[in-house]
Amino acid sequence: MNKYELAVVLSAKLEDEERAAAIEKVKGYISRFGGTVTNVDEWGKRRLAYEIQKMKEAYYYFIQFESDSVCPNEVEAHVRIMEQVIRYLCVRQDA
């Protein structure tokens, strides 16, 4: 099992319930493909380094999880097509 961190940037236009549902959906993808979520770090609304889709702010979430090497690819494939997600990045953490 490897440790991974998934950074997810959600649209600032979303309501609280919509953001919570989107993060639960991402966590569901991780568990569906054999991963285990260890920590979810919510940074809240932050200013973006540059405009994305005419937005200057967005909500940042960092999800740490453990899984085999197949899970991150599957999770990325599903997160990529989520409408609420502006940007995402999944990286493997060094042991």
N, C-alpha and C. Protein backbone atom coordinates (compact mmCIF):
# COMPACT_ATOMS: atom_id res chain seq x y z
N MET A 1 0.84 -1.19 0.00
CA MET A 1 0.00 0.00 0.00
C MET A 1 0.88 1.25 0.00
N ASN A 2 0.59 2.13 -0.92
CA ASN A 2 1.31 3.40 -1.01
C ASN A 2 0.43 4.51 -0.45
N LYS A 3 1.07 5.59 -0.03
CA LYS A 3 0.34 6.75 0.47
C LYS A 3 0.28 7.79 -0.64
N TYR A 4 -0.91 8.37 -0.80
CA TYR A 4 -1.13 9.38 -1.83
C TYR A 4 -1.81 10.60 -1.22
N GLU A 5 -1.65 11.73 -1.91
CA GLU A 5 -2.37 12.94 -1.53
C GLU A 5 -3.04 13.49 -2.77
N LEU A 6 -4.34 13.74 -2.66
CA LEU A 6 -5.13 14.28 -3.75
C LEU A 6 -5.55 15.70 -3.39
N ALA A 7 -5.09 16.66 -4.19
CA ALA A 7 -5.49 18.05 -4.01
C ALA A 7 -6.66 18.32 -4.96
N VAL A 8 -7.75 18.85 -4.41
CA VAL A 8 -8.95 19.12 -5.21
C VAL A 8 -9.32 20.58 -5.01
N VAL A 9 -9.51 21.29 -6.12
CA VAL A 9 -9.93 22.69 -6.07
C VAL A 9 -11.34 22.76 -6.64
N LEU A 10 -12.29 23.18 -5.78
CA LEU A 10 -13.69 23.25 -6.17
C LEU A 10 -14.11 24.69 -6.46
N SER A 11 -15.10 24.83 -7.30
CA SER A 11 -15.62 26.12 -7.69
C SER A 11 -16.12 26.92 -6.48
N ALA A 12 -15.88 28.22 -6.50
CA ALA A 12 -16.32 29.09 -5.41
C ALA A 12 -17.83 29.35 -5.48
N LYS A 13 -18.45 28.98 -6.57
CA LYS A 13 -19.89 29.21 -6.74
C LYS A 13 -20.74 28.18 -6.03
N LEU A 14 -20.14 27.12 -5.51
CA LEU A 14 -20.89 26.04 -4.89
C LEU A 14 -21.34 26.39 -3.48
N GLU A 15 -22.51 25.89 -3.10
CA GLU A 15 -23.01 26.04 -1.74
C GLU A 15 -22.34 24.99 -0.85
N ASP A 16 -22.50 25.14 0.47
CA ASP A 16 -21.87 24.21 1.42
C ASP A 16 -22.27 22.76 1.18
N GLU A 17 -23.56 22.52 0.95
CA GLU A 17 -24.03 21.15 0.74
C GLU A 17 -23.44 20.56 -0.53
N GLU A 18 -23.34 21.36 -1.57
CA GLU A 18 -22.79 20.89 -2.84
C GLU A 18 -21.31 20.54 -2.71
N ARG A 19 -20.57 21.36 -1.97
CA ARG A 19 -19.14 21.07 -1.75
C ARG A 19 -18.98 19.79 -0.95
N ALA A 20 -19.77 19.64 0.10
CA ALA A 20 -19.69 18.43 0.93
C ALA A 20 -20.04 17.19 0.10
N ALA A 21 -21.03 17.30 -0.75
CA ALA A 21 -21.42 16.18 -1.60
C ALA A 21 -20.32 15.83 -2.59
N ALA A 22 -19.66 16.84 -3.14
CA ALA A 22 -18.57 16.60 -4.10
C ALA A 22 -17.41 15.89 -3.43
N ILE A 23 -17.05 16.31 -2.21
CA ILE A 23 -15.94 15.68 -1.50
C ILE A 23 -16.31 14.25 -1.10
N GLU A 24 -17.57 14.04 -0.69
CA GLU A 24 -18.01 12.68 -0.37
C GLU A 24 -17.96 11.78 -1.60
N LYS A 25 -18.27 12.35 -2.75
CA LYS A 25 -18.21 11.60 -3.99
C LYS A 25 -16.77 11.18 -4.30
N VAL A 26 -15.82 12.09 -4.11
CA VAL A 26 -14.40 11.78 -4.33
C VAL A 26 -13.95 10.70 -3.35
N LYS A 27 -14.34 10.84 -2.09
CA LYS A 27 -13.99 9.82 -1.09
C LYS A 27 -14.62 8.48 -1.45
N GLY A 28 -15.81 8.50 -2.00
CA GLY A 28 -16.46 7.28 -2.46
C GLY A 28 -15.70 6.61 -3.59
N TYR A 29 -15.18 7.42 -4.51
CA TYR A 29 -14.36 6.86 -5.59
C TYR A 29 -13.12 6.18 -5.03
N ILE A 30 -12.48 6.81 -4.05
CA ILE A 30 -11.27 6.24 -3.46
C ILE A 30 -11.58 4.90 -2.82
N SER A 31 -12.65 4.84 -2.03
CA SER A 31 -12.97 3.58 -1.36
C SER A 31 -13.48 2.53 -2.36
N ARG A 32 -14.16 2.96 -3.41
CA ARG A 32 -14.67 2.01 -4.41
C ARG A 32 -13.52 1.29 -5.12
N PHE A 33 -12.42 1.99 -5.36
CA PHE A 33 -11.30 1.39 -6.08
C PHE A 33 -10.22 0.83 -5.14
N GLY A 34 -10.59 0.55 -3.90
CA GLY A 34 -9.71 -0.17 -2.99
C GLY A 34 -8.82 0.69 -2.12
N GLY A 35 -9.05 1.97 -2.06
CA GLY A 35 -8.24 2.86 -1.23
C GLY A 35 -8.89 3.10 0.13
N THR A 36 -8.10 3.64 1.06
CA THR A 36 -8.59 3.98 2.38
C THR A 36 -8.25 5.44 2.67
N VAL A 37 -9.26 6.26 2.88
CA VAL A 37 -9.04 7.68 3.18
C VAL A 37 -8.53 7.79 4.62
N THR A 38 -7.38 8.46 4.80
CA THR A 38 -6.81 8.62 6.13
C THR A 38 -7.04 10.01 6.71
N ASN A 39 -7.14 11.03 5.84
CA ASN A 39 -7.31 12.39 6.33
C ASN A 39 -7.88 13.27 5.23
N VAL A 40 -8.76 14.20 5.62
CA VAL A 40 -9.28 15.21 4.69
C VAL A 40 -9.00 16.56 5.33
N ASP A 41 -8.21 17.36 4.63
CA ASP A 41 -7.82 18.67 5.14
C ASP A 41 -8.51 19.74 4.30
N GLU A 42 -9.41 20.50 4.92
CA GLU A 42 -10.14 21.55 4.21
C GLU A 42 -9.46 22.89 4.47
N TRP A 43 -8.95 23.51 3.42
CA TRP A 43 -8.29 24.81 3.56
C TRP A 43 -9.26 25.97 3.42
N GLY A 44 -10.43 25.71 2.90
CA GLY A 44 -11.42 26.76 2.74
C GLY A 44 -11.23 27.54 1.45
N LYS A 45 -11.82 28.73 1.43
CA LYS A 45 -11.80 29.57 0.23
C LYS A 45 -10.48 30.34 0.17
N ARG A 46 -9.76 30.17 -0.93
CA ARG A 46 -8.48 30.84 -1.12
C ARG A 46 -8.44 31.52 -2.49
N ARG A 47 -7.57 32.49 -2.61
CA ARG A 47 -7.36 33.18 -3.87
C ARG A 47 -6.53 32.29 -4.80
N LEU A 48 -6.92 32.23 -6.04
CA LEU A 48 -6.19 31.46 -7.03
C LEU A 48 -4.98 32.26 -7.53
N ALA A 49 -3.95 31.56 -7.96
CA ALA A 49 -2.76 32.22 -8.48
C ALA A 49 -3.07 32.94 -9.80
N TYR A 50 -4.01 32.40 -10.55
CA TYR A 50 -4.44 33.01 -11.81
C TYR A 50 -5.91 32.64 -12.03
N GLU A 51 -6.59 33.41 -12.85
CA GLU A 51 -8.01 33.17 -13.09
C GLU A 51 -8.23 31.85 -13.81
N ILE A 52 -9.22 31.11 -13.34
CA ILE A 52 -9.63 29.88 -13.98
C ILE A 52 -11.13 29.99 -14.21
N GLN A 53 -11.56 29.88 -15.44
CA GLN A 53 -12.98 30.00 -15.79
C GLN A 53 -13.58 31.29 -15.22
N LYS A 54 -12.84 32.37 -15.30
CA LYS A 54 -13.25 33.70 -14.83
C LYS A 54 -13.49 33.76 -13.32
N MET A 55 -12.88 32.85 -12.56
CA MET A 55 -12.99 32.86 -11.11
C MET A 55 -11.63 33.23 -10.51
N LYS A 56 -11.66 34.01 -9.45
CA LYS A 56 -10.43 34.42 -8.78
C LYS A 56 -10.23 33.69 -7.46
N GLU A 57 -11.29 33.01 -6.96
CA GLU A 57 -11.20 32.28 -5.70
C GLU A 57 -11.81 30.90 -5.89
N ALA A 58 -11.38 29.97 -5.02
CA ALA A 58 -11.91 28.61 -5.06
C ALA A 58 -11.70 27.96 -3.70
N TYR A 59 -12.33 26.82 -3.50
CA TYR A 59 -12.20 26.06 -2.25
C TYR A 59 -11.18 24.94 -2.44
N TYR A 60 -10.26 24.84 -1.48
CA TYR A 60 -9.17 23.85 -1.55
C TYR A 60 -9.41 22.72 -0.56
N TYR A 61 -9.19 21.49 -1.03
CA TYR A 61 -9.27 20.30 -0.18
C TYR A 61 -8.07 19.41 -0.48
N PHE A 62 -7.51 18.82 0.57
CA PHE A 62 -6.41 17.87 0.43
C PHE A 62 -6.82 16.57 1.09
N ILE A 63 -6.85 15.51 0.31
CA ILE A 63 -7.30 14.20 0.79
C ILE A 63 -6.12 13.25 0.77
N GLN A 64 -5.75 12.73 1.95
CA GLN A 64 -4.70 11.73 2.03
C GLN A 64 -5.35 10.36 2.06
N PHE A 65 -4.77 9.42 1.30
CA PHE A 65 -5.30 8.06 1.30
C PHE A 65 -4.21 7.05 1.01
N GLU A 66 -4.51 5.80 1.35
CA GLU A 66 -3.60 4.69 1.09
C GLU A 66 -4.27 3.75 0.11
N SER A 67 -3.49 3.27 -0.87
CA SER A 67 -4.05 2.34 -1.85
C SER A 67 -2.94 1.68 -2.65
N ASP A 68 -3.35 0.79 -3.53
CA ASP A 68 -2.39 0.21 -4.46
C ASP A 68 -2.18 1.19 -5.61
N SER A 69 -1.40 0.80 -6.61
CA SER A 69 -1.04 1.74 -7.67
C SER A 69 -2.15 1.95 -8.71
N VAL A 70 -3.20 1.14 -8.70
CA VAL A 70 -4.28 1.27 -9.67
C VAL A 70 -5.28 2.35 -9.26
N CYS A 71 -5.54 2.47 -7.98
CA CYS A 71 -6.57 3.37 -7.46
C CYS A 71 -6.40 4.84 -7.89
N PRO A 72 -5.20 5.45 -7.79
CA PRO A 72 -5.08 6.86 -8.17
C PRO A 72 -5.46 7.13 -9.62
N ASN A 73 -5.12 6.23 -10.52
CA ASN A 73 -5.48 6.41 -11.93
C ASN A 73 -6.99 6.38 -12.12
N GLU A 74 -7.66 5.45 -11.45
CA GLU A 74 -9.12 5.35 -11.56
C GLU A 74 -9.79 6.57 -10.94
N VAL A 75 -9.30 7.02 -9.79
CA VAL A 75 -9.88 8.19 -9.12
C VAL A 75 -9.71 9.42 -10.00
N GLU A 76 -8.52 9.61 -10.57
CA GLU A 76 -8.29 10.75 -11.45
C GLU A 76 -9.22 10.73 -12.65
N ALA A 77 -9.45 9.56 -13.21
CA ALA A 77 -10.34 9.46 -14.37
C ALA A 77 -11.75 9.92 -14.04
N HIS A 78 -12.21 9.66 -12.81
CA HIS A 78 -13.55 10.08 -12.42
C HIS A 78 -13.60 11.53 -11.95
N VAL A 79 -12.56 11.98 -11.26
CA VAL A 79 -12.52 13.37 -10.77
C VAL A 79 -12.40 14.33 -11.96
N ARG A 80 -11.71 13.91 -12.99
CA ARG A 80 -11.49 14.73 -14.18
C ARG A 80 -12.80 15.20 -14.78
N ILE A 81 -13.84 14.36 -14.73
CA ILE A 81 -15.10 14.71 -15.39
C ILE A 81 -16.13 15.30 -14.43
N MET A 82 -15.77 15.50 -13.18
CA MET A 82 -16.70 16.12 -12.24
C MET A 82 -16.83 17.61 -12.54
N GLU A 83 -18.05 18.07 -12.63
CA GLU A 83 -18.32 19.45 -13.02
C GLU A 83 -17.84 20.46 -11.98
N GLN A 84 -17.92 20.10 -10.69
CA GLN A 84 -17.58 21.03 -9.61
C GLN A 84 -16.07 21.25 -9.47
N VAL A 85 -15.27 20.32 -9.98
CA VAL A 85 -13.82 20.36 -9.80
C VAL A 85 -13.19 21.24 -10.88
N ILE A 86 -12.43 22.25 -10.42
CA ILE A 86 -11.73 23.13 -11.35
C ILE A 86 -10.36 22.53 -11.69
N ARG A 87 -9.63 22.13 -10.65
CA ARG A 87 -8.30 21.53 -10.81
C ARG A 87 -8.14 20.41 -9.78
N TYR A 88 -7.25 19.47 -10.08
CA TYR A 88 -6.94 18.39 -9.16
C TYR A 88 -5.50 17.94 -9.41
N LEU A 89 -4.91 17.31 -8.43
CA LEU A 89 -3.57 16.76 -8.58
C LEU A 89 -3.40 15.65 -7.56
N CYS A 90 -3.00 14.49 -8.04
CA CYS A 90 -2.76 13.35 -7.16
C CYS A 90 -1.28 13.01 -7.20
N VAL A 91 -0.65 12.99 -6.03
CA VAL A 91 0.78 12.67 -5.97
C VAL A 91 1.02 11.59 -4.92
N ARG A 92 2.06 10.81 -5.13
CA ARG A 92 2.45 9.78 -4.18
C ARG A 92 3.36 10.40 -3.14
N GLN A 93 3.09 10.15 -1.87
CA GLN A 93 3.91 10.68 -0.80
C GLN A 93 5.07 9.73 -0.55
N ASP A 94 6.23 10.29 -0.28
CA ASP A 94 7.40 9.47 0.03
C ASP A 94 7.26 8.88 1.42
N ALA A 95 7.70 7.65 1.57
CA ALA A 95 7.59 6.96 2.86
C ALA A 95 8.64 7.45 3.84
